[in-house]
Protein backbone atom coordinates (compact mmCIF):
# COMPACT_ATOMS: atom_id res chain seq x y z
CA MET A 1 0.00 0.00 0.00
CA LYS A 2 1.59 3.26 -1.17
CA ASN A 3 0.08 6.58 -0.05
CA ILE A 4 -3.45 5.15 -0.10
CA VAL A 5 -6.26 7.71 0.18
CA LYS A 6 -10.01 7.06 0.23
CA LYS A 7 -12.41 10.01 0.08
CA TYR A 8 -16.17 9.75 -0.09
CA GLY A 9 -18.62 12.23 -1.60
CA ASP A 10 -18.29 14.79 1.19
CA GLY A 11 -14.51 14.90 0.73
CA PHE A 12 -13.75 13.40 4.14
CA PRO A 13 -10.69 11.10 3.98
CA ALA A 14 -11.70 7.79 5.52
CA VAL A 15 -8.14 6.64 4.79
CA ASN A 16 -5.51 9.35 4.62
CA ASP A 17 -2.11 8.72 2.99
CA VAL A 18 -1.48 5.26 4.46
CA SER A 19 1.62 3.34 3.35
CA ILE A 20 2.14 -0.24 4.60
CA ASP A 21 4.37 -2.93 3.11
CA VAL A 22 3.15 -6.40 4.08
CA ALA A 23 5.90 -8.99 3.69
CA ASP A 24 5.35 -12.37 2.06
CA GLY A 25 3.98 -14.76 4.69
CA GLU A 26 3.52 -12.01 7.28
CA PHE A 27 0.54 -11.75 9.66
CA MET A 28 -0.34 -8.04 9.58
CA ILE A 29 -2.95 -6.57 11.92
CA LEU A 30 -4.93 -3.39 11.21
CA VAL A 31 -6.30 -2.15 14.52
CA GLY A 32 -8.06 0.91 15.88
CA PRO A 33 -11.42 2.14 17.23
CA SER A 34 -14.59 2.30 15.15
CA GLY A 35 -14.31 4.69 12.22
CA CYS A 36 -10.50 4.60 12.02
CA GLY A 37 -10.49 3.32 8.42
CA LYS A 38 -9.21 -0.21 8.99
CA SER A 39 -12.10 -2.04 7.28
CA THR A 40 -12.12 0.50 4.43
CA LEU A 41 -8.42 -0.19 3.88
CA LEU A 42 -9.06 -3.95 3.84
CA ARG A 43 -11.88 -3.52 1.33
CA MET A 44 -9.57 -1.50 -0.92
CA ILE A 45 -7.01 -4.32 -0.81
CA VAL A 46 -9.59 -6.85 -1.99
CA GLY A 47 -11.19 -4.44 -4.49
CA LEU A 48 -14.58 -3.87 -2.86
CA GLU A 49 -13.79 -0.13 -2.49
CA ASP A 50 -12.30 2.16 -5.12
CA ILE A 51 -9.02 3.90 -4.29
CA THR A 52 -9.11 7.70 -4.52
CA SER A 53 -5.35 7.97 -4.88
CA GLY A 54 -2.23 5.92 -4.20
CA GLU A 55 -1.04 2.53 -5.38
CA MET A 56 -2.15 -0.92 -4.32
CA ILE A 57 0.47 -3.46 -5.37
CA ILE A 58 0.16 -7.24 -4.87
CA GLY A 59 3.31 -9.15 -5.75
CA ASP A 60 4.76 -7.22 -8.66
CA ARG A 61 1.58 -5.79 -10.19
CA GLN A 62 -0.57 -2.78 -9.48
CA VAL A 63 -4.17 -3.87 -8.88
CA ASN A 64 -5.99 -0.54 -8.45
CA ASP A 65 -8.26 -1.20 -11.43
CA LEU A 66 -8.55 -4.99 -11.12
CA ALA A 67 -11.89 -6.52 -10.14
CA PRO A 68 -11.95 -8.50 -6.86
CA ARG A 69 -12.16 -11.83 -8.71
CA ASP A 70 -8.89 -11.03 -10.54
CA ARG A 71 -6.83 -10.32 -7.40
CA ASN A 72 -6.67 -13.92 -6.12
CA LEU A 73 -7.39 -12.96 -2.52
CA ALA A 74 -9.54 -14.89 -0.03
CA MET A 75 -11.68 -12.89 2.41
CA VAL A 76 -13.28 -14.07 5.64
CA PHE A 77 -16.11 -11.82 6.80
CA GLN A 78 -17.43 -10.97 10.24
CA ASN A 79 -20.81 -12.58 9.54
CA TYR A 80 -19.31 -15.75 7.92
CA ALA A 81 -21.29 -15.22 4.64
CA LEU A 82 -22.21 -18.92 4.36
CA TYR A 83 -24.97 -20.31 2.15
CA PRO A 84 -27.59 -21.69 4.59
CA HIS A 85 -29.08 -24.16 2.06
CA LEU A 86 -25.72 -25.77 1.25
CA SER A 87 -23.90 -28.37 3.32
CA VAL A 88 -20.55 -27.60 4.94
CA TYR A 89 -18.91 -29.60 2.12
CA GLU A 90 -20.57 -27.53 -0.59
CA ASN A 91 -19.93 -24.23 1.22
CA ILE A 92 -16.21 -25.00 1.30
CA ALA A 93 -16.31 -26.26 -2.29
CA PHE A 94 -18.19 -23.24 -3.66
CA PRO A 95 -15.20 -21.21 -4.96
CA LEU A 96 -13.79 -24.35 -6.57
CA ARG A 97 -17.09 -25.10 -8.33
CA LEU A 98 -17.19 -21.49 -9.48
CA ALA A 99 -13.70 -21.85 -10.96
CA GLY A 100 -14.69 -25.02 -12.83
CA ALA A 101 -12.47 -27.43 -10.88
CA SER A 102 -12.93 -31.16 -11.46
CA ASP A 103 -14.89 -33.23 -8.94
CA LYS A 104 -11.67 -35.03 -7.96
CA ASP A 105 -9.81 -31.76 -7.23
CA VAL A 106 -12.80 -30.40 -5.34
CA ASP A 107 -13.05 -33.50 -3.15
CA GLU A 108 -9.31 -33.57 -2.39
CA LYS A 109 -9.11 -29.90 -1.46
CA VAL A 110 -12.33 -29.83 0.57
CA ARG A 111 -11.36 -32.90 2.61
CA ALA A 112 -7.83 -31.58 3.15
CA ALA A 113 -9.21 -28.24 4.39
CA ALA A 114 -11.78 -30.02 6.59
CA ALA A 115 -9.01 -32.14 8.15
CA THR A 116 -6.90 -29.02 8.82
CA LEU A 117 -9.86 -27.33 10.52
CA GLU A 118 -11.25 -30.45 12.25
CA LEU A 119 -14.52 -30.31 10.31
CA GLU A 120 -14.53 -33.84 8.81
CA GLU A 121 -17.51 -35.04 10.89
CA HIS A 122 -19.55 -31.94 9.99
CA LEU A 123 -19.24 -32.01 6.19
CA GLU A 124 -22.86 -33.08 5.58
CA ARG A 125 -24.39 -30.67 8.10
CA LYS A 126 -25.94 -27.29 7.27
CA PRO A 127 -24.48 -24.04 8.72
CA GLY A 128 -27.59 -23.46 10.82
CA ASN A 129 -26.80 -26.58 12.84
CA LEU A 130 -23.26 -25.48 13.71
CA SER A 131 -21.86 -23.38 16.54
CA GLY A 132 -20.40 -19.93 15.87
CA GLY A 133 -16.86 -21.25 16.05
CA GLN A 134 -17.63 -24.10 13.64
CA ARG A 135 -19.23 -21.69 11.15
CA GLN A 136 -16.17 -19.47 11.31
CA ARG A 137 -13.98 -22.50 10.55
CA VAL A 138 -16.17 -23.29 7.53
CA ALA A 139 -15.65 -19.73 6.28
CA MET A 140 -11.90 -20.20 6.76
CA GLY A 141 -12.05 -23.53 4.90
CA ARG A 142 -13.64 -21.82 1.93
CA ALA A 143 -10.69 -19.39 1.92
CA ILE A 144 -8.07 -22.15 2.26
CA VAL A 145 -9.19 -24.18 -0.78
CA ARG A 146 -8.76 -21.24 -3.12
CA ASP A 147 -4.92 -21.29 -3.09
CA ALA A 148 -5.11 -17.51 -2.74
CA ASP A 149 -2.12 -15.17 -2.57
CA ALA A 150 -3.33 -13.78 0.77
CA PHE A 151 -6.02 -14.14 3.43
CA LEU A 152 -8.03 -11.08 4.46
CA PHE A 153 -9.97 -11.23 7.75
CA ASP A 154 -12.56 -8.56 8.60
CA GLU A 155 -13.20 -8.77 12.37
CA PRO A 156 -13.89 -12.53 12.11
CA LEU A 157 -14.29 -13.16 15.86
CA SER A 158 -16.47 -10.26 16.95
CA ASN A 159 -19.68 -12.35 16.88
CA LEU A 160 -18.26 -15.02 19.22
CA ASP A 161 -18.33 -15.12 23.01
CA ALA A 162 -15.15 -14.37 24.97
CA LYS A 163 -14.13 -18.01 25.57
CA LEU A 164 -14.65 -19.00 21.94
CA ARG A 165 -12.77 -15.92 20.74
CA GLY A 166 -9.76 -17.08 22.72
CA GLN A 167 -9.95 -20.56 21.20
CA MET A 168 -10.37 -19.23 17.66
CA ARG A 169 -7.44 -16.83 18.08
CA THR A 170 -5.23 -19.82 18.79
CA GLU A 171 -6.64 -21.76 15.82
CA ILE A 172 -6.15 -18.87 13.40
CA SER A 173 -2.59 -18.28 14.58
CA ARG A 174 -1.72 -21.99 14.30
CA LEU A 175 -3.33 -22.23 10.86
CA GLN A 176 -1.53 -19.17 9.48
CA LYS A 177 1.84 -20.42 10.70
CA ARG A 178 1.18 -23.87 9.21
CA LEU A 179 0.13 -22.52 5.80
CA GLY A 180 2.62 -19.64 5.77
CA ILE A 181 0.19 -17.47 3.81
CA THR A 182 0.27 -13.68 3.86
CA THR A 183 -2.57 -12.46 6.09
CA VAL A 184 -4.12 -9.06 6.75
CA TYR A 185 -6.45 -9.09 9.75
CA VAL A 186 -8.75 -6.25 10.85
CA THR A 187 -9.87 -5.96 14.47
CA HIS A 188 -10.83 -3.35 17.06
CA ASP A 189 -9.73 -5.72 19.85
CA GLN A 190 -6.21 -4.89 21.00
CA THR A 191 -5.90 -8.33 22.64
CA GLU A 192 -6.34 -9.97 19.23
CA ALA A 193 -3.86 -7.53 17.74
CA MET A 194 -1.19 -8.21 20.35
CA THR A 195 -1.54 -12.01 20.36
CA LEU A 196 -1.90 -12.66 16.61
CA GLY A 197 0.17 -10.18 14.66
CA ASP A 198 3.77 -10.28 13.49
CA ARG A 199 3.35 -6.51 13.14
CA VAL A 200 0.47 -4.20 14.03
CA ALA A 201 -0.66 -1.03 12.25
CA VAL A 202 -2.53 1.30 14.63
CA LEU A 203 -4.95 3.66 12.86
CA LYS A 204 -6.86 6.72 14.03
CA ARG A 205 -9.22 8.74 11.82
CA GLY A 206 -7.73 7.22 8.71
CA ILE A 207 -4.13 8.07 9.64
CA LEU A 208 -1.45 5.50 10.43
CA GLN A 209 -0.24 6.23 13.97
CA GLN A 210 2.43 3.56 14.36
CA LEU A 211 3.50 0.34 12.64
CA ALA A 212 5.58 -2.05 14.74
CA THR A 213 5.71 -5.43 16.45
CA PRO A 214 3.30 -5.92 19.38
CA ARG A 215 6.20 -5.74 21.85
CA GLU A 216 7.47 -2.45 20.44
CA LEU A 217 3.98 -0.92 20.53
CA TYR A 218 3.75 -1.89 24.19
CA GLU A 219 7.26 -0.82 25.20
CA ASN A 220 7.72 2.19 22.87
CA PRO A 221 4.33 3.72 21.99
CA GLY A 222 4.94 6.63 19.65
CA ASN A 223 2.19 8.90 20.96
CA LEU A 224 -0.61 9.27 23.50
CA PHE A 225 -3.16 7.53 21.30
CA VAL A 226 -1.10 4.38 20.79
CA ALA A 227 -0.07 4.34 24.47
CA GLY A 228 -3.70 4.56 25.58
CA PHE A 229 -4.98 2.04 23.03
CA ILE A 230 -2.41 -0.71 23.63
CA GLY A 231 -2.55 -2.36 27.05
CA SER A 232 -5.26 -3.54 29.42
CA PRO A 233 -5.91 -1.87 31.80
CA PRO A 234 -4.81 1.18 29.79
CA MET A 235 -1.76 3.25 30.62
CA ASN A 236 -2.08 5.85 33.39
CA PHE A 237 -1.46 9.46 32.37
CA LEU A 238 -0.39 11.91 35.09
CA PRO A 239 0.57 15.60 34.95
CA ALA A 240 4.33 15.96 35.42
CA THR A 241 7.14 18.48 35.47
CA VAL A 242 10.80 17.51 35.13
CA GLU A 243 13.63 19.14 37.05
CA GLY A 244 17.01 17.58 36.38
CA THR A 245 16.37 13.85 36.55
CA THR A 246 13.34 14.20 38.85
CA ALA A 247 9.78 13.88 37.53
CA LYS A 248 7.34 15.59 39.89
CA LEU A 249 4.02 13.71 39.88
CA PRO A 250 0.79 14.29 41.87
CA PHE A 251 1.88 11.66 44.43
CA GLY A 252 5.54 12.52 44.74
CA ASP A 253 8.86 12.50 42.94
CA VAL A 254 10.19 9.79 40.64
CA GLN A 255 13.84 9.56 39.62
CA LEU A 256 14.10 9.15 35.85
CA PRO A 257 16.90 7.50 33.88
CA PRO A 258 19.19 10.34 32.66
CA HIS A 259 18.49 9.76 28.94
CA LYS A 260 14.73 10.10 29.49
CA ALA A 261 15.09 13.20 31.66
CA GLU A 262 17.32 14.81 29.03
CA ARG A 263 14.72 14.39 26.28
CA ALA A 264 12.09 16.13 28.44
CA GLN A 265 14.07 19.33 28.96
CA GLY A 266 12.46 22.54 27.70
CA HIS A 267 8.87 21.44 28.39
CA ASP A 268 7.02 23.15 31.25
CA LEU A 269 4.19 20.65 31.67
CA LEU A 270 4.20 17.04 30.52
CA LEU A 271 2.09 13.90 30.73
CA ALA A 272 3.82 10.99 32.43
CA GLY A 273 2.59 7.63 31.14
CA ILE A 274 2.98 4.63 33.46
CA ARG A 275 1.35 1.25 32.86
CA PRO A 276 -0.59 -0.26 35.81
CA GLU A 277 1.70 -3.30 35.87
CA HIS A 278 4.75 -1.10 36.50
CA PHE A 279 3.48 -0.31 40.02
CA ASP A 280 3.47 -2.62 43.01
CA ASP A 281 3.05 -2.75 46.77
CA ALA A 282 6.41 -1.46 48.10
CA SER A 283 6.34 -4.07 50.89
CA THR A 284 6.61 -6.84 48.27
CA ARG A 285 9.43 -5.09 46.39
CA GLU A 286 12.01 -4.61 49.10
CA GLY A 287 15.42 -3.94 47.60
CA ALA A 288 14.07 -3.51 44.05
CA ARG A 289 15.32 -0.54 42.06
CA GLY A 290 12.72 2.17 41.54
CA SER A 291 10.92 4.95 43.40
CA THR A 292 8.21 4.87 46.06
CA PHE A 293 5.45 7.22 47.10
CA ARG A 294 2.63 7.23 49.65
CA ALA A 295 -1.00 7.61 48.61
CA THR A 296 -4.49 6.81 49.90
CA VAL A 297 -6.10 3.89 48.08
CA GLU A 298 -9.78 4.47 47.36
CA VAL A 299 -10.80 1.07 45.92
CA VAL A 300 -9.12 -2.36 45.95
CA GLU A 301 -10.03 -5.25 43.63
CA TRP A 302 -8.43 -8.57 44.55
CA LEU A 303 -8.35 -11.07 41.66
CA GLY A 304 -6.22 -13.78 43.22
CA ASN A 305 -3.08 -13.51 41.10
CA GLU A 306 -3.10 -9.72 41.22
CA THR A 307 -4.74 -6.78 42.96
CA TYR A 308 -5.94 -3.55 41.35
CA ALA A 309 -5.61 -0.46 43.52
CA TYR A 310 -7.41 2.73 42.45
CA ILE A 311 -5.91 6.01 43.64
CA PRO A 312 -7.66 9.32 42.83
CA TYR A 313 -5.68 12.39 41.83
CA GLU A 314 -6.28 15.86 40.44
CA ALA A 315 -4.76 17.46 37.33
CA PRO A 316 -4.57 20.99 35.91
CA PRO A 317 -7.49 21.95 33.62
CA GLU A 318 -5.40 21.77 30.44
CA ILE A 319 -4.28 18.23 31.25
CA THR A 320 -7.80 17.18 32.22
CA GLU A 321 -9.17 18.43 28.90
CA LYS A 322 -6.43 16.64 26.96
CA LEU A 323 -7.26 13.36 28.72
CA ARG A 324 -10.98 13.84 28.09
CA GLN A 325 -10.18 14.26 24.40
CA LEU A 326 -8.12 11.07 24.50
CA GLU A 327 -11.00 9.22 26.17
CA ARG A 328 -13.31 10.23 23.31
CA GLU A 329 -10.80 9.09 20.69
CA LEU A 330 -10.27 5.75 22.42
CA ASP A 331 -13.92 5.31 23.43
CA SER A 332 -12.45 4.50 26.84
CA GLU A 333 -13.30 4.88 30.50
CA ALA A 334 -12.25 7.95 32.51
CA MET A 335 -8.47 8.37 32.54
CA HIS A 336 -8.17 11.66 34.37
CA THR A 337 -9.77 10.79 37.72
CA GLN A 338 -7.65 7.97 39.09
CA LEU A 339 -4.45 6.00 38.85
CA VAL A 340 -4.78 2.24 38.44
CA ALA A 341 -1.97 0.16 39.96
CA ALA A 342 -1.75 -3.59 39.27
CA LEU A 343 -0.18 -5.02 42.44
CA SER A 344 0.91 -8.56 43.19
CA GLY A 345 -1.78 -10.88 44.53
CA GLY A 346 0.04 -11.11 47.86
CA SER A 347 -0.48 -7.41 48.60
CA ARG A 348 -2.34 -6.66 51.85
CA ILE A 349 -3.25 -3.07 50.95
CA ARG A 350 -6.77 -2.14 52.07
CA GLU A 351 -9.33 0.38 50.92
CA GLY A 352 -9.18 3.77 52.60
CA GLU A 353 -5.65 3.24 53.92
CA GLU A 354 -2.51 5.11 53.00
CA ALA A 355 -0.06 2.76 51.32
CA GLU A 356 3.48 2.88 50.04
CA ILE A 357 3.52 2.21 46.31
CA TRP A 358 6.58 1.22 44.28
CA VAL A 359 6.99 2.34 40.67
CA ASP A 360 9.50 1.19 38.07
CA ALA A 361 10.94 4.58 37.07
CA SER A 362 12.75 3.08 34.06
CA ARG A 363 9.36 2.35 32.43
CA VAL A 364 7.97 5.91 32.70
CA HIS A 365 7.09 7.60 29.40
CA LEU A 366 6.88 11.38 28.98
CA PHE A 367 4.47 12.87 26.44
CA ASP A 368 4.12 16.38 25.03
CA PRO A 369 0.49 17.34 25.82
CA GLU A 370 0.28 19.60 22.76
CA THR A 371 1.32 17.14 20.05
CA GLY A 372 0.86 13.84 21.88
CA ARG A 373 4.40 12.83 20.89
CA ASN A 374 6.28 10.44 23.19
CA LEU A 375 9.46 12.35 24.04
CA THR A 376 11.18 9.33 25.58
CA VAL A 377 10.50 6.77 22.84
CA ASP A 378 13.36 4.83 21.32
CA THR A 379 12.65 5.74 17.70
CA GLU A 380 15.13 3.22 16.29
CA ARG A 381 13.10 0.35 17.78
CA ALA A 382 9.59 1.74 17.78
CA GLY A 383 8.74 1.07 14.12
CA THR A 384 7.02 3.54 11.81
CA ILE A 385 5.83 6.71 13.55
CA PRO A 386 4.45 9.34 11.14
CA GLU A 387 5.85 12.84 11.50
CA LEU A 388 2.66 14.66 12.34
CA GLU A 389 0.75 16.09 15.28
CA THR A 390 -1.21 12.97 16.02
CA THR A 391 -3.76 14.43 18.45
CA ALA A 392 -4.60 17.50 16.37
């Protein structure tokens, strides 16, 4: 995808100058909230949407003007798109029948796909008699038999319950690795993005925010949007000022690594981003490197293996408004009212008590509130970060 733009009749760019190079055999994820342009981009790859400008190249040929049937791509839809009157066998065989394949080839390919997807015993059943997960596997089988150049998935798991989604994620990942086929997968679920993708493209309002491996998105988010979108619970954002190597936060001071403090110089007010899992009960971290502060815990949620502690804080009006804007963009819960700390399950912190909290200062990120840019990101490792004001 080279400088892909999609504008509709009102001139609004649903996809705005997106360039992504998907390697042969790669599992690429397109992720972002509703309306970010990810499904539109997928539909332009397959040819279901016209491209306003830019180049779509598959292999060594430009396909902008090719019809979907001439692109040799297999698409799996959110709603399965199965024929209810046909058996599982005939649903999988449909693209082969359409292409005029012999009965022998059809039978070999359908049974091979059914064996791969563990559907052999269901071949004579109708889709209406199958579970959601089985129907999704039938849709995948129909894609497999086509010998396509790439698989395209459009939110294929969103109609399944949470347990089944987890199972299907594993099946899709195992299948893609076994077949080694290039795959582009659209989802709004950051858990799917982080667990499935070789690389992940994060989109917002049609603009590519960052393109990197899941680990680099987590460890080096390029801006506020990516930092807030990747991670569950989401990253905490706190007002901060930096003096020397000291970051002054609402709860106390944190000593920053020198290279991070240096990059923050010249900024009066910053947003410090700290993931919940980079806090802990100080009593369980004796001798660990980091900083500690004391704060009153308002709510405690004990989950067995970990404990969530909620600590309210106040921020200046300009920071509060910036975080409210980020909430709207992420369609997320309130970020500006409380800090969430994920403590070890052995913590004995109680609601309403003042507690000593440990924080891993080496994992603190510092963001420019005006542009949203992560000032402390390691740009050499963070993947593609467009040079633009991403929260404008």
